Amino acid sequence: AATEDAATTTVLNISCPLRDLGFFGEGGEGIWCLTGSETLSCHHWESAQMLCTFGYETRETLGVEYLMGCVWNQGKLR
């Protein structure tokens, strides 16, 4: 019988409570994670490797008060 450990393929540690997530990339190989403390991180789905992270200063850098989520534009590949 399969166990939870055997069924686990990838674990992402984003260090904060998760608020929202989604997939990005041509084949959906990336995953973005938005936390309740307004941080954003992007990971390669299969390897769980962190690709980038945007901390608390992201709102100030972007000139926004609240992060809502992310959108992948397949036409522009970004």
N, C-alpha and C. Protein backbone atom coordinates (compact mmCIF):
# COMPACT_ATOMS: atom_id res chain seq x y z
N ALA A 1 0.85 -1.19 0.00
CA ALA A 1 0.00 0.00 0.00
C ALA A 1 0.88 1.24 0.00
N ALA A 2 0.46 2.24 -0.75
CA ALA A 2 1.21 3.49 -0.84
C ALA A 2 1.06 4.28 0.45
N THR A 3 2.16 4.89 0.88
CA THR A 3 2.13 5.73 2.06
C THR A 3 2.17 7.19 1.63
N GLU A 4 1.92 8.09 2.55
CA GLU A 4 2.00 9.51 2.24
C GLU A 4 3.40 9.88 1.80
N ASP A 5 4.41 9.32 2.47
CA ASP A 5 5.80 9.62 2.10
C ASP A 5 6.10 9.15 0.68
N ALA A 6 5.63 7.99 0.31
CA ALA A 6 5.88 7.46 -1.03
C ALA A 6 5.14 8.28 -2.09
N ALA A 7 4.00 8.84 -1.73
CA ALA A 7 3.20 9.61 -2.67
C ALA A 7 3.71 11.03 -2.85
N THR A 8 4.51 11.53 -1.90
CA THR A 8 5.03 12.89 -1.97
C THR A 8 6.11 12.98 -3.03
N THR A 9 5.92 13.91 -3.99
CA THR A 9 6.91 14.08 -5.05
C THR A 9 7.68 15.38 -4.92
N THR A 10 7.04 16.44 -4.40
CA THR A 10 7.68 17.74 -4.29
C THR A 10 7.16 18.47 -3.06
N VAL A 11 8.06 19.15 -2.34
CA VAL A 11 7.67 19.96 -1.20
C VAL A 11 8.29 21.34 -1.39
N LEU A 12 7.47 22.37 -1.30
CA LEU A 12 7.94 23.75 -1.41
C LEU A 12 7.84 24.40 -0.03
N ASN A 13 8.93 24.96 0.45
CA ASN A 13 8.92 25.69 1.71
C ASN A 13 8.94 27.17 1.39
N ILE A 14 7.81 27.82 1.57
CA ILE A 14 7.76 29.25 1.28
C ILE A 14 7.84 30.11 2.54
N SER A 15 7.98 29.48 3.69
CA SER A 15 8.27 30.13 4.98
C SER A 15 7.15 31.02 5.52
N CYS A 16 6.00 31.07 4.87
CA CYS A 16 4.88 31.88 5.32
C CYS A 16 3.58 31.17 4.95
N PRO A 17 2.47 31.53 5.59
CA PRO A 17 1.19 30.93 5.19
C PRO A 17 0.84 31.28 3.74
N LEU A 18 0.45 30.29 3.00
CA LEU A 18 0.11 30.44 1.58
C LEU A 18 -1.27 31.06 1.43
N ARG A 19 -1.38 32.07 0.57
CA ARG A 19 -2.67 32.70 0.30
C ARG A 19 -3.22 32.31 -1.05
N ASP A 20 -2.33 32.19 -2.06
CA ASP A 20 -2.78 31.86 -3.41
C ASP A 20 -1.61 31.27 -4.17
N LEU A 21 -1.91 30.48 -5.18
CA LEU A 21 -0.85 29.94 -6.03
C LEU A 21 -1.39 29.68 -7.42
N GLY A 22 -0.49 29.53 -8.34
CA GLY A 22 -0.87 29.25 -9.72
C GLY A 22 0.33 28.75 -10.50
N PHE A 23 0.07 28.30 -11.71
CA PHE A 23 1.12 27.78 -12.57
C PHE A 23 1.45 28.78 -13.66
N PHE A 24 2.70 28.74 -14.14
CA PHE A 24 3.11 29.61 -15.25
C PHE A 24 4.12 28.87 -16.10
N GLY A 25 4.41 29.44 -17.25
CA GLY A 25 5.37 28.84 -18.18
C GLY A 25 4.64 28.16 -19.33
N GLU A 26 5.38 27.92 -20.39
CA GLU A 26 4.78 27.33 -21.59
C GLU A 26 4.07 26.01 -21.29
N GLY A 27 4.68 25.17 -20.47
CA GLY A 27 4.09 23.88 -20.14
C GLY A 27 3.58 23.81 -18.73
N GLY A 28 3.44 24.95 -18.06
CA GLY A 28 2.99 24.96 -16.68
C GLY A 28 4.03 24.42 -15.71
N GLU A 29 5.31 24.54 -16.09
CA GLU A 29 6.39 23.99 -15.26
C GLU A 29 6.75 24.87 -14.06
N GLY A 30 6.24 26.08 -14.03
CA GLY A 30 6.52 26.97 -12.90
C GLY A 30 5.30 27.10 -12.01
N ILE A 31 5.55 27.41 -10.76
CA ILE A 31 4.46 27.66 -9.81
C ILE A 31 4.79 28.93 -9.04
N TRP A 32 3.81 29.83 -8.94
CA TRP A 32 4.02 31.04 -8.13
C TRP A 32 3.20 30.90 -6.85
N CYS A 33 3.76 31.45 -5.77
CA CYS A 33 3.14 31.35 -4.45
C CYS A 33 3.05 32.75 -3.85
N LEU A 34 1.86 33.16 -3.51
CA LEU A 34 1.62 34.44 -2.87
C LEU A 34 1.24 34.17 -1.42
N THR A 35 1.90 34.85 -0.50
CA THR A 35 1.67 34.59 0.92
C THR A 35 0.78 35.65 1.55
N GLY A 36 0.28 35.34 2.71
CA GLY A 36 -0.55 36.28 3.45
C GLY A 36 0.22 37.49 3.93
N SER A 37 1.54 37.41 3.97
CA SER A 37 2.35 38.55 4.40
C SER A 37 2.91 39.32 3.20
N GLU A 38 2.26 39.16 2.04
CA GLU A 38 2.58 39.94 0.85
C GLU A 38 3.96 39.65 0.25
N THR A 39 4.39 38.42 0.29
CA THR A 39 5.60 38.03 -0.42
C THR A 39 5.20 37.12 -1.57
N LEU A 40 6.04 37.08 -2.59
CA LEU A 40 5.77 36.30 -3.78
C LEU A 40 7.02 35.51 -4.12
N SER A 41 6.88 34.23 -4.41
CA SER A 41 8.02 33.43 -4.84
C SER A 41 7.61 32.57 -6.03
N CYS A 42 8.58 32.31 -6.89
CA CYS A 42 8.36 31.48 -8.07
C CYS A 42 9.30 30.28 -8.01
N HIS A 43 8.78 29.10 -8.35
CA HIS A 43 9.53 27.86 -8.22
C HIS A 43 9.36 27.01 -9.48
N HIS A 44 10.36 26.17 -9.76
CA HIS A 44 10.22 25.13 -10.77
C HIS A 44 9.44 24.01 -10.09
N TRP A 45 8.34 23.58 -10.71
CA TRP A 45 7.41 22.66 -10.06
C TRP A 45 8.04 21.31 -9.72
N GLU A 46 8.66 20.65 -10.68
CA GLU A 46 9.18 19.30 -10.43
C GLU A 46 10.35 19.25 -9.46
N SER A 47 11.28 20.18 -9.61
CA SER A 47 12.49 20.14 -8.77
C SER A 47 12.32 20.90 -7.45
N ALA A 48 11.28 21.72 -7.35
CA ALA A 48 11.03 22.57 -6.18
C ALA A 48 12.10 23.64 -6.01
N GLN A 49 12.90 23.87 -7.03
CA GLN A 49 13.94 24.90 -6.97
C GLN A 49 13.30 26.29 -7.04
N MET A 50 13.70 27.17 -6.10
CA MET A 50 13.20 28.54 -6.13
C MET A 50 13.86 29.30 -7.28
N LEU A 51 13.06 29.92 -8.11
CA LEU A 51 13.57 30.70 -9.23
C LEU A 51 13.77 32.15 -8.85
N CYS A 52 12.86 32.70 -8.07
CA CYS A 52 12.98 34.09 -7.62
C CYS A 52 12.06 34.30 -6.42
N THR A 53 12.34 35.34 -5.68
CA THR A 53 11.49 35.69 -4.55
C THR A 53 11.40 37.21 -4.46
N PHE A 54 10.24 37.68 -4.10
CA PHE A 54 9.98 39.10 -3.94
C PHE A 54 9.45 39.30 -2.53
N GLY A 55 10.20 40.04 -1.73
CA GLY A 55 9.86 40.22 -0.33
C GLY A 55 8.88 41.34 -0.08
N TYR A 56 8.86 41.78 1.17
CA TYR A 56 7.90 42.79 1.61
C TYR A 56 8.05 44.11 0.86
N GLU A 57 9.25 44.41 0.40
CA GLU A 57 9.49 45.68 -0.29
C GLU A 57 8.90 45.71 -1.70
N THR A 58 8.41 44.60 -2.18
CA THR A 58 7.86 44.51 -3.54
C THR A 58 6.72 45.49 -3.75
N ARG A 59 5.84 45.62 -2.77
CA ARG A 59 4.72 46.56 -2.91
C ARG A 59 5.22 47.98 -3.12
N GLU A 60 6.22 48.37 -2.34
CA GLU A 60 6.78 49.72 -2.47
C GLU A 60 7.46 49.89 -3.82
N THR A 61 8.23 48.89 -4.24
CA THR A 61 8.94 48.94 -5.53
C THR A 61 7.96 49.08 -6.68
N LEU A 62 6.85 48.35 -6.64
CA LEU A 62 5.86 48.39 -7.71
C LEU A 62 4.88 49.55 -7.56
N GLY A 63 4.88 50.19 -6.40
CA GLY A 63 3.95 51.30 -6.17
C GLY A 63 2.51 50.83 -5.97
N VAL A 64 2.34 49.67 -5.34
CA VAL A 64 1.01 49.15 -5.08
C VAL A 64 0.83 48.92 -3.58
N GLU A 65 -0.42 48.86 -3.15
CA GLU A 65 -0.70 48.64 -1.74
C GLU A 65 -0.96 47.18 -1.41
N TYR A 66 -1.33 46.39 -2.43
CA TYR A 66 -1.75 45.02 -2.16
C TYR A 66 -1.42 44.14 -3.36
N LEU A 67 -0.85 42.97 -3.13
CA LEU A 67 -0.58 42.03 -4.21
C LEU A 67 -1.79 41.11 -4.38
N MET A 68 -2.32 41.04 -5.59
CA MET A 68 -3.52 40.24 -5.85
C MET A 68 -3.20 38.86 -6.40
N GLY A 69 -2.15 38.74 -7.20
CA GLY A 69 -1.83 37.45 -7.82
C GLY A 69 -0.91 37.66 -9.00
N CYS A 70 -0.84 36.67 -9.85
CA CYS A 70 0.02 36.71 -11.03
C CYS A 70 -0.75 36.23 -12.25
N VAL A 71 -0.29 36.66 -13.40
CA VAL A 71 -0.90 36.24 -14.66
C VAL A 71 0.22 35.88 -15.62
N TRP A 72 0.09 34.74 -16.30
CA TRP A 72 1.05 34.31 -17.31
C TRP A 72 0.49 34.67 -18.67
N ASN A 73 1.26 35.42 -19.48
CA ASN A 73 0.86 35.79 -20.83
C ASN A 73 1.54 34.85 -21.81
N GLN A 74 0.81 33.87 -22.33
CA GLN A 74 1.39 32.87 -23.22
C GLN A 74 1.93 33.50 -24.51
N GLY A 75 1.28 34.53 -25.01
CA GLY A 75 1.72 35.20 -26.23
C GLY A 75 3.08 35.86 -26.07
N LYS A 76 3.31 36.48 -24.93
CA LYS A 76 4.58 37.18 -24.67
C LYS A 76 5.57 36.31 -23.90
N LEU A 77 5.13 35.11 -23.48
CA LEU A 77 5.97 34.19 -22.71
C LEU A 77 6.54 34.85 -21.46
N ARG A 78 5.70 35.60 -20.77
CA ARG A 78 6.09 36.21 -19.50
C ARG A 78 4.89 36.45 -18.63
